[in-house]
């Protein structure tokens, strides 16, 4: 029984330490949906880069002697 009490005290102390260190940066609001959710926009260049560099399959290959 005493092990449960000691474990609870240690867990509570660790939790309080993390909350105090995080200060007002900790978001304790839970899961967000809709307009409340803040998502960083993904850069457009990373999504478009693979499509821009891929050659279409139907395009004929340029001969090596054309250079």
Protein backbone atom coordinates (compact mmCIF):
# COMPACT_ATOMS: atom_id res chain seq x y z
CA UNK A 1 0.00 0.00 0.00
CA UNK A 2 2.81 2.41 0.81
CA UNK A 3 4.28 1.83 -2.67
CA UNK A 4 1.11 3.21 -4.25
CA UNK A 5 1.29 6.34 -2.09
CA UNK A 6 4.97 6.87 -2.91
CA UNK A 7 4.29 6.36 -6.62
CA UNK A 8 1.43 8.85 -6.54
CA UNK A 9 3.55 11.45 -4.75
CA UNK A 10 6.40 11.03 -7.23
CA UNK A 11 4.06 11.25 -10.21
CA UNK A 12 2.34 14.33 -8.77
CA UNK A 13 5.69 16.01 -8.09
CA UNK A 14 6.89 15.28 -11.64
CA UNK A 15 3.62 16.56 -13.12
CA UNK A 16 3.76 19.77 -11.11
CA UNK A 17 7.40 20.31 -12.13
CA UNK A 18 6.54 19.93 -15.84
CA UNK A 19 3.56 22.29 -15.54
CA UNK A 20 5.58 24.91 -13.67
CA UNK A 21 8.51 24.73 -16.11
CA UNK A 22 6.22 24.94 -19.17
CA UNK A 23 4.50 28.03 -17.79
CA UNK A 24 1.86 29.49 -20.08
CA UNK A 25 3.15 27.58 -23.13
CA UNK A 26 1.36 24.36 -22.13
CA UNK A 27 -1.92 23.81 -23.99
CA UNK A 28 -4.15 21.88 -21.61
CA UNK A 29 -7.28 22.39 -23.72
CA UNK A 30 -7.45 18.95 -25.25
CA UNK A 31 -8.20 18.06 -28.85
CA UNK A 32 -9.02 21.00 -31.13
CA UNK A 33 -11.35 21.03 -34.14
CA UNK A 34 -12.46 23.61 -36.67
CA UNK A 35 -11.37 27.24 -36.37
CA UNK A 36 -9.75 26.64 -32.97
CA UNK A 37 -7.22 24.25 -34.46
CA UNK A 38 -3.93 25.88 -35.43
CA UNK A 39 -2.01 24.08 -38.15
CA UNK A 40 1.18 25.27 -39.79
CA UNK A 41 0.72 25.48 -43.56
CA UNK A 42 2.75 23.01 -45.54
CA UNK A 43 5.21 24.64 -47.96
CA UNK A 44 3.85 24.45 -51.50
CA UNK A 45 7.28 23.80 -53.00
CA UNK A 46 7.74 20.45 -51.24
CA UNK A 47 4.41 19.12 -52.55
CA UNK A 48 4.91 20.40 -56.10
CA UNK A 49 8.57 19.42 -56.47
CA UNK A 50 8.08 15.66 -57.11
CA UNK A 51 5.36 16.33 -59.71
CA UNK A 52 7.44 18.97 -61.49
CA UNK A 53 10.56 16.81 -61.77
CA UNK A 54 8.78 13.66 -62.95
CA UNK A 55 8.70 13.26 -66.72
CA UNK A 56 5.45 12.08 -68.30
CA UNK A 57 5.53 8.45 -69.36
CA UNK A 58 4.35 9.23 -72.91
CA UNK A 59 7.14 11.76 -73.62
CA UNK A 60 9.82 10.40 -75.99
CA UNK A 61 13.33 10.30 -74.62
CA UNK A 62 15.83 12.70 -76.20
CA UNK A 63 18.66 10.96 -78.04
CA UNK A 64 22.09 11.28 -76.43
CA UNK A 65 23.65 12.56 -79.70
CA UNK A 66 21.33 15.59 -79.82
CA UNK A 67 23.55 17.54 -77.47
